């Protein structure tokens, strides 16, 4: 089962530091359940707080977070972060939510 939650923001700021608003489920009840699962994962130490993840990636991937998704699939939590780089390009990062290690990345150059 895959659970996905996302948060959209025009800039990285305090709103991004609140654990993700659930937007993926088609029904309000699904959204609430996804949000609860994310909170439980945070409380039990299965995932790092978003603030910590963004701080850890900032050195190697500078820029502003445009979008963040938290996804759980087969027991593994992954943060997907879309970053606006200082050069105007966009990077998409897949990070292990337990330790913020980079699982994969894709860069789109500035047109």
PDB file of N, CA and C in Angstrom:
ATOM      1  N   UNK A   1       0.846  -1.171   0.000  1.00  0.00           N
ATOM      2  CA  UNK A   1       0.000   0.000   0.000  1.00  0.00           C
ATOM      3  C   UNK A   1       0.889   1.231   0.000  1.00  0.00           C
ATOM      4  N   UNK A   2       0.536   2.201  -0.789  1.00  0.00           N
ATOM      5  CA  UNK A   2       1.280   3.448  -0.861  1.00  0.00           C
ATOM      6  C   UNK A   2       0.453   4.558  -0.261  1.00  0.00           C
ATOM      7  N   UNK A   3       1.065   5.317   0.604  1.00  0.00           N
ATOM      8  CA  UNK A   3       0.424   6.498   1.184  1.00  0.00           C
ATOM      9  C   UNK A   3       1.262   7.676   0.755  1.00  0.00           C
ATOM     10  N   UNK A   4       0.626   8.722   0.304  1.00  0.00           N
ATOM     11  CA  UNK A   4       1.347   9.899  -0.156  1.00  0.00           C
ATOM     12  C   UNK A   4       0.676  11.137   0.398  1.00  0.00           C
ATOM     13  N   UNK A   5       1.488  12.035   0.935  1.00  0.00           N
ATOM     14  CA  UNK A   5       1.008  13.312   1.428  1.00  0.00           C
ATOM     15  C   UNK A   5       1.899  14.381   0.847  1.00  0.00           C
ATOM     16  N   UNK A   6       1.355  15.518   0.512  1.00  0.00           N
ATOM     17  CA  UNK A   6       2.207  16.560  -0.040  1.00  0.00           C
ATOM     18  C   UNK A   6       1.879  17.907   0.553  1.00  0.00           C
ATOM     19  N   UNK A   7       2.837  18.785   0.399  1.00  0.00           N
ATOM     20  CA  UNK A   7       2.708  20.159   0.885  1.00  0.00           C
ATOM     21  C   UNK A   7       3.300  21.046  -0.193  1.00  0.00           C
ATOM     22  N   UNK A   8       2.550  22.022  -0.654  1.00  0.00           N
ATOM     23  CA  UNK A   8       3.026  22.964  -1.655  1.00  0.00           C
ATOM     24  C   UNK A   8       3.260  24.307  -0.981  1.00  0.00           C
ATOM     25  N   UNK A   9       4.356  24.970  -1.356  1.00  0.00           N
ATOM     26  CA  UNK A   9       4.647  26.286  -0.796  1.00  0.00           C
ATOM     27  C   UNK A   9       5.494  27.062  -1.786  1.00  0.00           C
ATOM     28  N   UNK A  10       5.281  28.369  -1.902  1.00  0.00           N
ATOM     29  CA  UNK A  10       6.085  29.165  -2.825  1.00  0.00           C
ATOM     30  C   UNK A  10       7.493  29.416  -2.308  1.00  0.00           C
ATOM     31  N   UNK A  11       7.749  29.139  -1.038  1.00  0.00           N
ATOM     32  CA  UNK A  11       9.061  29.366  -0.441  1.00  0.00           C
ATOM     33  C   UNK A  11       9.197  28.466   0.773  1.00  0.00           C
ATOM     34  N   UNK A  12      10.438  28.241   1.180  1.00  0.00           N
ATOM     35  CA  UNK A  12      10.669  27.468   2.410  1.00  0.00           C
ATOM     36  C   UNK A  12      10.533  28.419   3.577  1.00  0.00           C
ATOM     37  N   UNK A  13       9.693  28.116   4.493  1.00  0.00           N
ATOM     38  CA  UNK A  13       9.476  28.967   5.649  1.00  0.00           C
ATOM     39  C   UNK A  13       8.762  28.193   6.713  1.00  0.00           C
ATOM     40  N   UNK A  14       8.227  28.899   7.686  1.00  0.00           N
ATOM     41  CA  UNK A  14       7.574  28.221   8.811  1.00  0.00           C
ATOM     42  C   UNK A  14       6.455  27.276   8.396  1.00  0.00           C
ATOM     43  N   UNK A  15       5.747  27.606   7.330  1.00  0.00           N
ATOM     44  CA  UNK A  15       4.650  26.722   6.914  1.00  0.00           C
ATOM     45  C   UNK A  15       5.165  25.357   6.511  1.00  0.00           C
ATOM     46  N   UNK A  16       6.356  25.296   5.927  1.00  0.00           N
ATOM     47  CA  UNK A  16       6.924  24.011   5.538  1.00  0.00           C
ATOM     48  C   UNK A  16       7.398  23.212   6.734  1.00  0.00           C
ATOM     49  N   UNK A  17       7.623  23.879   7.841  1.00  0.00           N
ATOM     50  CA  UNK A  17       8.170  23.200   8.990  1.00  0.00           C
ATOM     51  C   UNK A  17       7.111  22.439   9.774  1.00  0.00           C
ATOM     52  N   UNK A  18       5.875  22.691   9.482  1.00  0.00           N
ATOM     53  CA  UNK A  18       4.793  21.922  10.071  1.00  0.00           C
ATOM     54  C   UNK A  18       4.677  20.640   9.270  1.00  0.00           C
ATOM     55  N   UNK A  19       4.506  19.542   9.941  1.00  0.00           N
ATOM     56  CA  UNK A  19       4.457  18.274   9.224  1.00  0.00           C
ATOM     57  C   UNK A  19       3.319  18.272   8.228  1.00  0.00           C
ATOM     58  N   UNK A  20       3.644  18.164   6.999  1.00  0.00           N
ATOM     59  CA  UNK A  20       2.864  18.006   5.786  1.00  0.00           C
ATOM     60  C   UNK A  20       1.340  17.917   5.900  1.00  0.00           C
ATOM     61  N   UNK A  21       0.687  18.743   5.133  1.00  0.00           N
ATOM     62  CA  UNK A  21      -0.765  18.636   4.998  1.00  0.00           C
ATOM     63  C   UNK A  21      -1.069  17.472   4.069  1.00  0.00           C
ATOM     64  N   UNK A  22      -2.038  16.677   4.424  1.00  0.00           N
ATOM     65  CA  UNK A  22      -2.366  15.504   3.609  1.00  0.00           C
ATOM     66  C   UNK A  22      -3.270  15.915   2.456  1.00  0.00           C
ATOM     67  N   UNK A  23      -2.808  15.667   1.235  1.00  0.00           N
ATOM     68  CA  UNK A  23      -3.570  16.066   0.060  1.00  0.00           C
ATOM     69  C   UNK A  23      -3.822  14.913  -0.908  1.00  0.00           C
ATOM     70  N   UNK A  24      -3.280  13.758  -0.634  1.00  0.00           N
ATOM     71  CA  UNK A  24      -3.295  12.709  -1.646  1.00  0.00           C
ATOM     72  C   UNK A  24      -4.607  11.929  -1.738  1.00  0.00           C
ATOM     73  N   UNK A  25      -5.284  11.697  -0.640  1.00  0.00           N
ATOM     74  CA  UNK A  25      -6.477  10.861  -0.678  1.00  0.00           C
ATOM     75  C   UNK A  25      -7.660  11.567  -1.288  1.00  0.00           C
ATOM     76  N   UNK A  26      -8.533  10.836  -1.980  1.00  0.00           N
ATOM     77  CA  UNK A  26      -9.674  11.464  -2.613  1.00  0.00           C
ATOM     78  C   UNK A  26     -10.754  11.905  -1.641  1.00  0.00           C
ATOM     79  N   UNK A  27     -10.823  11.273  -0.479  1.00  0.00           N
ATOM     80  CA  UNK A  27     -11.865  11.612   0.493  1.00  0.00           C
ATOM     81  C   UNK A  27     -11.223  12.229   1.729  1.00  0.00           C
ATOM     82  N   UNK A  28     -11.955  13.103   2.395  1.00  0.00           N
ATOM     83  CA  UNK A  28     -11.438  13.777   3.579  1.00  0.00           C
ATOM     84  C   UNK A  28     -10.991  12.776   4.635  1.00  0.00           C
ATOM     85  N   UNK A  29     -11.721  11.695   4.801  1.00  0.00           N
ATOM     86  CA  UNK A  29     -11.346  10.676   5.769  1.00  0.00           C
ATOM     87  C   UNK A  29      -9.992  10.080   5.465  1.00  0.00           C
ATOM     88  N   UNK A  30      -9.682   9.849   4.194  1.00  0.00           N
ATOM     89  CA  UNK A  30      -8.378   9.327   3.799  1.00  0.00           C
ATOM     90  C   UNK A  30      -7.279  10.327   4.145  1.00  0.00           C
ATOM     91  N   UNK A  31      -7.535  11.612   3.897  1.00  0.00           N
ATOM     92  CA  UNK A  31      -6.556  12.649   4.198  1.00  0.00           C
ATOM     93  C   UNK A  31      -6.240  12.661   5.682  1.00  0.00           C
ATOM     94  N   UNK A  32      -7.261  12.569   6.498  1.00  0.00           N
ATOM     95  CA  UNK A  32      -7.050  12.572   7.950  1.00  0.00           C
ATOM     96  C   UNK A  32      -6.236  11.361   8.377  1.00  0.00           C
ATOM     97  N   UNK A  33      -6.528  10.210   7.831  1.00  0.00           N
ATOM     98  CA  UNK A  33      -5.804   8.990   8.190  1.00  0.00           C
ATOM     99  C   UNK A  33      -4.340   9.080   7.768  1.00  0.00           C
ATOM    100  N   UNK A  34      -4.079   9.604   6.574  1.00  0.00           N
ATOM    101  CA  UNK A  34      -2.699   9.775   6.119  1.00  0.00           C
ATOM    102  C   UNK A  34      -1.941  10.711   7.046  1.00  0.00           C
ATOM    103  N   UNK A  35      -2.585  11.787   7.440  1.00  0.00           N
ATOM    104  CA  UNK A  35      -1.966  12.751   8.338  1.00  0.00           C
ATOM    105  C   UNK A  35      -1.659  12.097   9.684  1.00  0.00           C
ATOM    106  N   UNK A  36      -2.583  11.293  10.183  1.00  0.00           N
ATOM    107  CA  UNK A  36      -2.372  10.581  11.440  1.00  0.00           C
ATOM    108  C   UNK A  36      -1.197   9.616  11.333  1.00  0.00           C
ATOM    109  N   UNK A  37      -1.100   8.896  10.213  1.00  0.00           N
ATOM    110  CA  UNK A  37       0.008   7.959  10.019  1.00  0.00           C
ATOM    111  C   UNK A  37       1.348   8.687  10.004  1.00  0.00           C
ATOM    112  N   UNK A  38       1.389   9.850   9.372  1.00  0.00           N
ATOM    113  CA  UNK A  38       2.623  10.638   9.341  1.00  0.00           C
ATOM    114  C   UNK A  38       2.993  11.100  10.752  1.00  0.00           C
ATOM    115  N   UNK A  39       2.012  11.556  11.507  1.00  0.00           N
ATOM    116  CA  UNK A  39       2.280  11.993  12.888  1.00  0.00           C
ATOM    117  C   UNK A  39       2.771  10.823  13.746  1.00  0.00           C
ATOM    118  N   UNK A  40       2.157   9.651  13.575  1.00  0.00           N
ATOM    119  CA  UNK A  40       2.574   8.470  14.321  1.00  0.00           C
ATOM    120  C   UNK A  40       4.003   8.072  13.953  1.00  0.00           C
ATOM    121  N   UNK A  41       4.333   8.140  12.670  1.00  0.00           N
ATOM    122  CA  UNK A  41       5.682   7.799  12.218  1.00  0.00           C
ATOM    123  C   UNK A  41       6.703   8.768  12.824  1.00  0.00           C
ATOM    124  N   UNK A  42       6.356  10.036  12.890  1.00  0.00           N
ATOM    125  CA  UNK A  42       7.243  11.035  13.491  1.00  0.00           C
ATOM    126  C   UNK A  42       7.397  10.772  14.989  1.00  0.00           C
ATOM    127  N   UNK A  43       6.281  10.560  15.671  1.00  0.00           N
ATOM    128  CA  UNK A  43       6.305  10.340  17.122  1.00  0.00           C
ATOM    129  C   UNK A  43       7.085   9.081  17.501  1.00  0.00           C
ATOM    130  N   UNK A  44       7.027   8.049  16.662  1.00  0.00           N
ATOM    131  CA  UNK A  44       7.705   6.787  16.964  1.00  0.00           C
ATOM    132  C   UNK A  44       9.149   6.764  16.475  1.00  0.00           C
ATOM    133  N   UNK A  45       9.594   7.854  15.837  1.00  0.00           N
ATOM    134  CA  UNK A  45      10.975   7.917  15.372  1.00  0.00           C
ATOM    135  C   UNK A  45      11.227   7.236  14.041  1.00  0.00           C
ATOM    136  N   UNK A  46      10.170   6.855  13.339  1.00  0.00           N
ATOM    137  CA  UNK A  46      10.339   6.209  12.033  1.00  0.00           C
ATOM    138  C   UNK A  46      10.787   7.207  10.972  1.00  0.00           C
ATOM    139  N   UNK A  47      10.436   8.494  11.167  1.00  0.00           N
ATOM    140  CA  UNK A  47      10.829   9.532  10.224  1.00  0.00           C
ATOM    141  C   UNK A  47      11.391  10.725  10.988  1.00  0.00           C
ATOM    142  N   UNK A  48      12.224  11.489  10.303  1.00  0.00           N
ATOM    143  CA  UNK A  48      12.743  12.740  10.860  1.00  0.00           C
ATOM    144  C   UNK A  48      11.738  13.853  10.618  1.00  0.00           C
ATOM    145  N   UNK A  49      11.757  14.872  11.459  1.00  0.00           N
ATOM    146  CA  UNK A  49      10.918  16.044  11.188  1.00  0.00           C
ATOM    147  C   UNK A  49      11.374  16.703   9.882  1.00  0.00           C
ATOM    148  N   UNK A  50      10.441  17.297   9.180  1.00  0.00           N
ATOM    149  CA  UNK A  50      10.753  17.952   7.918  1.00  0.00           C
ATOM    150  C   UNK A  50      11.839  19.015   8.104  1.00  0.00           C
ATOM    151  N   UNK A  51      11.784  19.760   9.179  1.00  0.00           N
ATOM    152  CA  UNK A  51      12.794  20.790   9.465  1.00  0.00           C
ATOM    153  C   UNK A  51      14.198  20.177   9.439  1.00  0.00           C
ATOM    154  N   UNK A  52      14.367  19.051  10.080  1.00  0.00           N
ATOM    155  CA  UNK A  52      15.663  18.384  10.144  1.00  0.00           C
ATOM    156  C   UNK A  52      16.116  17.928   8.760  1.00  0.00           C
ATOM    157  N   UNK A  53      15.202  17.370   8.008  1.00  0.00           N
ATOM    158  CA  UNK A  53      15.530  16.908   6.655  1.00  0.00           C
ATOM    159  C   UNK A  53      16.004  18.076   5.794  1.00  0.00           C
ATOM    160  N   UNK A  54      15.282  19.189   5.826  1.00  0.00           N
ATOM    161  CA  UNK A  54      15.655  20.354   5.016  1.00  0.00           C
ATOM    162  C   UNK A  54      16.998  20.928   5.454  1.00  0.00           C
ATOM    163  N   UNK A  55      17.271  20.927   6.743  1.00  0.00           N
ATOM    164  CA  UNK A  55      18.559  21.414   7.231  1.00  0.00           C
ATOM    165  C   UNK A  55      19.700  20.526   6.750  1.00  0.00           C
ATOM    166  N   UNK A  56      19.486  19.219   6.752  1.00  0.00           N
ATOM    167  CA  UNK A  56      20.538  18.278   6.350  1.00  0.00           C
ATOM    168  C   UNK A  56      20.849  18.345   4.855  1.00  0.00           C
ATOM    169  N   UNK A  57      19.867  18.619   4.026  1.00  0.00           N
ATOM    170  CA  UNK A  57      20.119  18.634   2.584  1.00  0.00           C
ATOM    171  C   UNK A  57      20.588  19.989   2.074  1.00  0.00           C
ATOM    172  N   UNK A  58      20.427  21.034   2.867  1.00  0.00           N
ATOM    173  CA  UNK A  58      20.712  22.403   2.422  1.00  0.00           C
ATOM    174  C   UNK A  58      22.149  22.582   1.932  1.00  0.00           C
ATOM    175  N   UNK A  59      23.126  21.948   2.578  1.00  0.00           N
ATOM    176  CA  UNK A  59      24.532  22.121   2.194  1.00  0.00           C
ATOM    177  C   UNK A  59      24.788  21.606   0.782  1.00  0.00           C
ATOM    178  N   UNK A  60      24.352  20.407   0.486  1.00  0.00           N
ATOM    179  CA  UNK A  60      24.606  19.797  -0.821  1.00  0.00           C
ATOM    180  C   UNK A  60      23.573  20.183  -1.877  1.00  0.00           C
ATOM    181  N   UNK A  61      22.416  20.654  -1.437  1.00  0.00           N
ATOM    182  CA  UNK A  61      21.329  21.002  -2.354  1.00  0.00           C
ATOM    183  C   UNK A  61      20.713  22.335  -1.925  1.00  0.00           C
ATOM    184  N   UNK A  62      21.438  23.440  -2.146  1.00  0.00           N
ATOM    185  CA  UNK A  62      20.908  24.743  -1.726  1.00  0.00           C
ATOM    186  C   UNK A  62      19.697  25.142  -2.562  1.00  0.00           C
ATOM    187  N   UNK A  63      18.850  25.925  -1.974  1.00  0.00           N
ATOM    188  CA  UNK A  63      17.682  26.431  -2.679  1.00  0.00           C
ATOM    189  C   UNK A  63      16.481  26.499  -1.763  1.00  0.00           C
ATOM    190  N   UNK A  64      15.340  26.698  -2.372  1.00  0.00           N
ATOM    191  CA  UNK A  64      14.089  26.823  -1.641  1.00  0.00           C
ATOM    192  C   UNK A  64      13.199  25.625  -1.948  1.00  0.00           C
ATOM    193  N   UNK A  65      12.607  25.057  -0.923  1.00  0.00           N
ATOM    194  CA  UNK A  65      11.693  23.930  -1.113  1.00  0.00           C
ATOM    195  C   UNK A  65      10.389  24.447  -1.718  1.00  0.00           C
ATOM    196  N   UNK A  66      10.016  23.889  -2.854  1.00  0.00           N
ATOM    197  CA  UNK A  66       8.773  24.262  -3.518  1.00  0.00           C
ATOM    198  C   UNK A  66       7.637  23.313  -3.166  1.00  0.00           C
ATOM    199  N   UNK A  67       7.971  22.048  -3.017  1.00  0.00           N
ATOM    200  CA  UNK A  67       6.967  21.021  -2.763  1.00  0.00           C
ATOM    201  C   UNK A  67       7.615  19.880  -1.999  1.00  0.00           C
ATOM    202  N   UNK A  68       6.882  19.334  -1.052  1.00  0.00           N
ATOM    203  CA  UNK A  68       7.368  18.194  -0.285  1.00  0.00           C
ATOM    204  C   UNK A  68       6.264  17.158  -0.215  1.00  0.00           C
ATOM    205  N   UNK A  69       6.616  15.914  -0.471  1.00  0.00           N
ATOM    206  CA  UNK A  69       5.685  14.802  -0.304  1.00  0.00           C
ATOM    207  C   UNK A  69       6.311  13.804   0.652  1.00  0.00           C
ATOM    208  N   UNK A  70       5.492  13.213   1.475  1.00  0.00           N
ATOM    209  CA  UNK A  70       5.915  12.121   2.338  1.00  0.00           C
ATOM    210  C   UNK A  70       5.141  10.904   1.886  1.00  0.00           C
ATOM    211  N   UNK A  71       5.866   9.850   1.563  1.00  0.00           N
ATOM    212  CA  UNK A  71       5.237   8.658   1.001  1.00  0.00           C
ATOM    213  C   UNK A  71       5.706   7.431   1.765  1.00  0.00           C
ATOM    214  N   UNK A  72       4.786   6.546   2.065  1.00  0.00           N
ATOM    215  CA  UNK A  72       5.110   5.279   2.709  1.00  0.00           C
ATOM    216  C   UNK A  72       4.734   4.166   1.756  1.00  0.00           C
ATOM    217  N   UNK A  73       5.698   3.327   1.460  1.00  0.00           N
ATOM    218  CA  UNK A  73       5.453   2.205   0.556  1.00  0.00           C
ATOM    219  C   UNK A  73       6.210   0.998   1.082  1.00  0.00           C
ATOM    220  N   UNK A  74       5.490  -0.057   1.334  1.00  0.00           N
ATOM    221  CA  UNK A  74       6.081  -1.305   1.821  1.00  0.00           C
ATOM    222  C   UNK A  74       6.926  -1.092   3.077  1.00  0.00           C
ATOM    223  N   UNK A  75       6.430  -0.250   3.964  1.00  0.00           N
ATOM    224  CA  UNK A  75       7.112  -0.036   5.231  1.00  0.00           C
ATOM    225  C   UNK A  75       8.254   0.960   5.199  1.00  0.00           C
ATOM    226  N   UNK A  76       8.516   1.556   4.053  1.00  0.00           N
ATOM    227  CA  UNK A  76       9.604   2.533   3.934  1.00  0.00           C
ATOM    228  C   UNK A  76       9.021   3.920   3.678  1.00  0.00           C
ATOM    229  N   UNK A  77       9.438   4.888   4.499  1.00  0.00           N
ATOM    230  CA  UNK A  77       8.996   6.272   4.356  1.00  0.00           C
ATOM    231  C   UNK A  77      10.013   7.047   3.535  1.00  0.00           C
ATOM    232  N   UNK A  78       9.529   7.832   2.572  1.00  0.00           N
ATOM    233  CA  UNK A  78      10.389   8.611   1.683  1.00  0.00           C
ATOM    234  C   UNK A  78       9.847  10.036   1.590  1.00  0.00           C
ATOM    235  N   UNK A  79      10.747  11.006   1.753  1.00  0.00           N
ATOM    236  CA  UNK A  79      10.417  12.391   1.464  1.00  0.00           C
ATOM    237  C   UNK A  79      10.797  12.661   0.018  1.00  0.00           C
ATOM    238  N   UNK A  80       9.887  13.251  -0.741  1.00  0.00           N
ATOM    239  CA  UNK A  80      10.182  13.720  -2.089  1.00  0.00           C
ATOM    240  C   UNK A  80      10.152  15.242  -2.017  1.00  0.00           C
ATOM    241  N   UNK A  81      11.282  15.855  -2.337  1.00  0.00           N
ATOM    242  CA  UNK A  81      11.427  17.300  -2.191  1.00  0.00           C
ATOM    243  C   UNK A  81      11.760  17.912  -3.546  1.00  0.00           C
ATOM    244  N   UNK A  82      10.962  18.883  -3.950  1.00  0.00           N
ATOM    245  CA  UNK A  82      11.248  19.644  -5.167  1.00  0.00           C
ATOM    246  C   UNK A  82      11.859  20.966  -4.720  1.00  0.00           C
ATOM    247  N   UNK A  83      13.123  21.211  -5.183  1.00  0.00           N
ATOM    248  CA  UNK A  83      13.879  22.387  -4.767  1.00  0.00           C
ATOM    249  C   UNK A  83      14.093  23.330  -5.939  1.00  0.00           C
ATOM    250  N   UNK A  84      13.894  24.622  -5.691  1.00  0.00           N
ATOM    251  CA  UNK A  84      14.261  25.660  -6.646  1.00  0.00           C
ATOM    252  C   UNK A  84      15.691  26.064  -6.318  1.00  0.00           C
ATOM    253  N   UNK A  85      16.612  25.762  -7.237  1.00  0.00           N
ATOM    254  CA  UNK A  85      18.021  26.053  -7.015  1.00  0.00           C
ATOM    255  C   UNK A  85      18.319  27.538  -7.228  1.00  0.00           C
ATOM    256  N   UNK A  86      19.411  28.032  -6.666  1.00  0.00           N
ATOM    257  CA  UNK A  86      19.791  29.437  -6.858  1.00  0.00           C
ATOM    258  C   UNK A  86      19.963  29.825  -8.330  1.00  0.00           C
ATOM    259  N   UNK A  87      20.318  28.856  -9.210  1.00  0.00           N
ATOM    260  CA  UNK A  87      20.493  29.152 -10.629  1.00  0.00           C
ATOM    261  C   UNK A  87      19.170  29.161 -11.401  1.00  0.00           C
ATOM    262  N   UNK A  88      18.055  28.934 -10.701  1.00  0.00           N
ATOM    263  CA  UNK A  88      16.737  28.955 -11.329  1.00  0.00           C
ATOM    264  C   UNK A  88      16.243  27.601 -11.786  1.00  0.00           C
ATOM    265  N   UNK A  89      17.101  26.604 -11.753  1.00  0.00           N
ATOM    266  CA  UNK A  89      16.692  25.249 -12.110  1.00  0.00           C
ATOM    267  C   UNK A  89      15.953  24.586 -10.962  1.00  0.00           C
ATOM    268  N   UNK A  90      15.405  23.427 -11.236  1.00  0.00           N
ATOM    269  CA  UNK A  90      14.654  22.673 -10.235  1.00  0.00           C
ATOM    270  C   UNK A  90      15.301  21.309 -10.036  1.00  0.00           C
ATOM    271  N   UNK A  91      15.462  20.917  -8.794  1.00  0.00           N
ATOM    272  CA  UNK A  91      15.956  19.587  -8.447  1.00  0.00           C
ATOM    273  C   UNK A  91      14.847  18.828  -7.736  1.00  0.00           C
ATOM    274  N   UNK A  92      14.714  17.566  -8.088  1.00  0.00           N
ATOM    275  CA  UNK A  92      13.786  16.679  -7.387  1.00  0.00           C
ATOM    276  C   UNK A  92      14.623  15.652  -6.642  1.00  0.00           C
ATOM    277  N   UNK A  93      14.426  15.601  -5.332  1.00  0.00           N
ATOM    278  CA  UNK A  93      15.201  14.718  -4.472  1.00  0.00           C
ATOM    279  C   UNK A  93      14.302  13.676  -3.835  1.00  0.00           C
ATOM    280  N   UNK A  94      14.787  12.446  -3.754  1.00  0.00           N
ATOM    281  CA  UNK A  94      14.122  11.381  -2.997  1.00  0.00           C
ATOM    282  C   UNK A  94      15.031  11.069  -1.818  1.00  0.00           C
ATOM    283  N   UNK A  95      14.474  11.205  -0.602  1.00  0.00           N
ATOM    284  CA  UNK A  95      15.269  11.058   0.613  1.00  0.00           C
ATOM    285  C   UNK A  95      14.656  10.021   1.541  1.00  0.00           C
ATOM    286  N   UNK A  96      15.507   9.205   2.136  1.00  0.00           N
ATOM    287  CA  UNK A  96      15.042   8.276   3.149  1.00  0.00           C
ATOM    288  C   UNK A  96      14.574   9.107   4.341  1.00  0.00           C
ATOM    289  N   UNK A  97      13.331   8.943   4.749  1.00  0.00           N
ATOM    290  CA  UNK A  97      12.753   9.765   5.813  1.00  0.00           C
ATOM    291  C   UNK A  97      13.330   9.436   7.193  1.00  0.00           C
ATOM    292  N   UNK A  98      14.021   8.304   7.338  1.00  0.00           N
ATOM    293  CA  UNK A  98      14.621   7.948   8.629  1.00  0.00           C
ATOM    294  C   UNK A  98      15.875   8.743   8.933  1.00  0.00           C
ATOM    295  N   UNK A  99      16.680   9.030   7.870  1.00  0.00           N
ATOM    296  CA  UNK A  99      17.977   9.655   8.117  1.00  0.00           C
ATOM    297  C   UNK A  99      18.333  10.750   7.106  1.00  0.00           C
ATOM    298  N   UNK A 100      17.432  11.063   6.203  1.00  0.00           N
ATOM    299  CA  UNK A 100      17.607  12.110   5.179  1.00  0.00           C
ATOM    300  C   UNK A 100      18.673  11.761   4.153  1.00  0.00           C
ATOM    301  N   UNK A 101      19.048  10.487   4.071  1.00  0.00           N
ATOM    302  CA  UNK A 101      20.031  10.107   3.050  1.00  0.00           C
ATOM    303  C   UNK A 101      19.384  10.164   1.666  1.00  0.00           C
ATOM    304  N   UNK A 102      20.181  10.553   0.685  1.00  0.00           N
ATOM    305  CA  UNK A 102      19.704  10.715  -0.678  1.00  0.00           C
ATOM    306  C   UNK A 102      19.517   9.352  -1.331  1.00  0.00           C
ATOM    307  N   UNK A 103      18.314   9.098  -1.815  1.00  0.00           N
ATOM    308  CA  UNK A 103      18.009   7.856  -2.515  1.00  0.00           C
ATOM    309  C   UNK A 103      18.082   8.046  -4.027  1.00  0.00           C
ATOM    310  N   UNK A 104      17.855   9.282  -4.461  1.00  0.00           N
ATOM    311  CA  UNK A 104      17.898   9.582  -5.885  1.00  0.00           C
ATOM    312  C   UNK A 104      17.625  11.045  -6.112  1.00  0.00           C
ATOM    313  N   UNK A 105      18.031  11.545  -7.280  1.00  0.00           N
ATOM    314  CA  UNK A 105      17.796  12.940  -7.608  1.00  0.00           C
ATOM    315  C   UNK A 105      17.691  13.125  -9.115  1.00  0.00           C
ATOM    316  N   UNK A 106      17.055  14.218  -9.481  1.00  0.00           N
ATOM    317  CA  UNK A 106      16.910  14.582 -10.885  1.00  0.00           C
ATOM    318  C   UNK A 106      16.957  16.101 -10.963  1.00  0.00           C
ATOM    319  N   UNK A 107      17.759  16.618 -11.898  1.00  0.00           N
ATOM    320  CA  UNK A 107      17.860  18.066 -12.067  1.00  0.00           C
ATOM    321  C   UNK A 107      17.252  18.471 -13.391  1.00  0.00           C
ATOM    322  N   UNK A 108      16.455  19.524 -13.351  1.00  0.00           N
ATOM    323  CA  UNK A 108      15.927  20.133 -14.557  1.00  0.00           C
ATOM    324  C   UNK A 108      16.601  21.495 -14.671  1.00  0.00           C
ATOM    325  N   UNK A 109      17.237  21.711 -15.788  1.00  0.00           N
ATOM    326  CA  UNK A 109      17.975  22.954 -15.961  1.00  0.00           C
ATOM    327  C   UNK A 109      17.031  24.102 -16.254  1.00  0.00           C
ATOM    328  N   UNK A 110      17.490  25.309 -15.959  1.00  0.00           N
ATOM    329  CA  UNK A 110      16.756  26.526 -16.215  1.00  0.00           C
ATOM    330  C   UNK A 110      16.649  26.745 -17.717  1.00  0.00           C
ATOM    331  N   UNK A 111      15.437  26.960 -18.215  1.00  0.00           N
ATOM    332  CA  UNK A 111      15.260  27.175 -19.663  1.00  0.00           C
ATOM    333  C   UNK A 111      15.531  28.603 -20.046  1.00  0.00           C
TER     334      UNK A 111
END
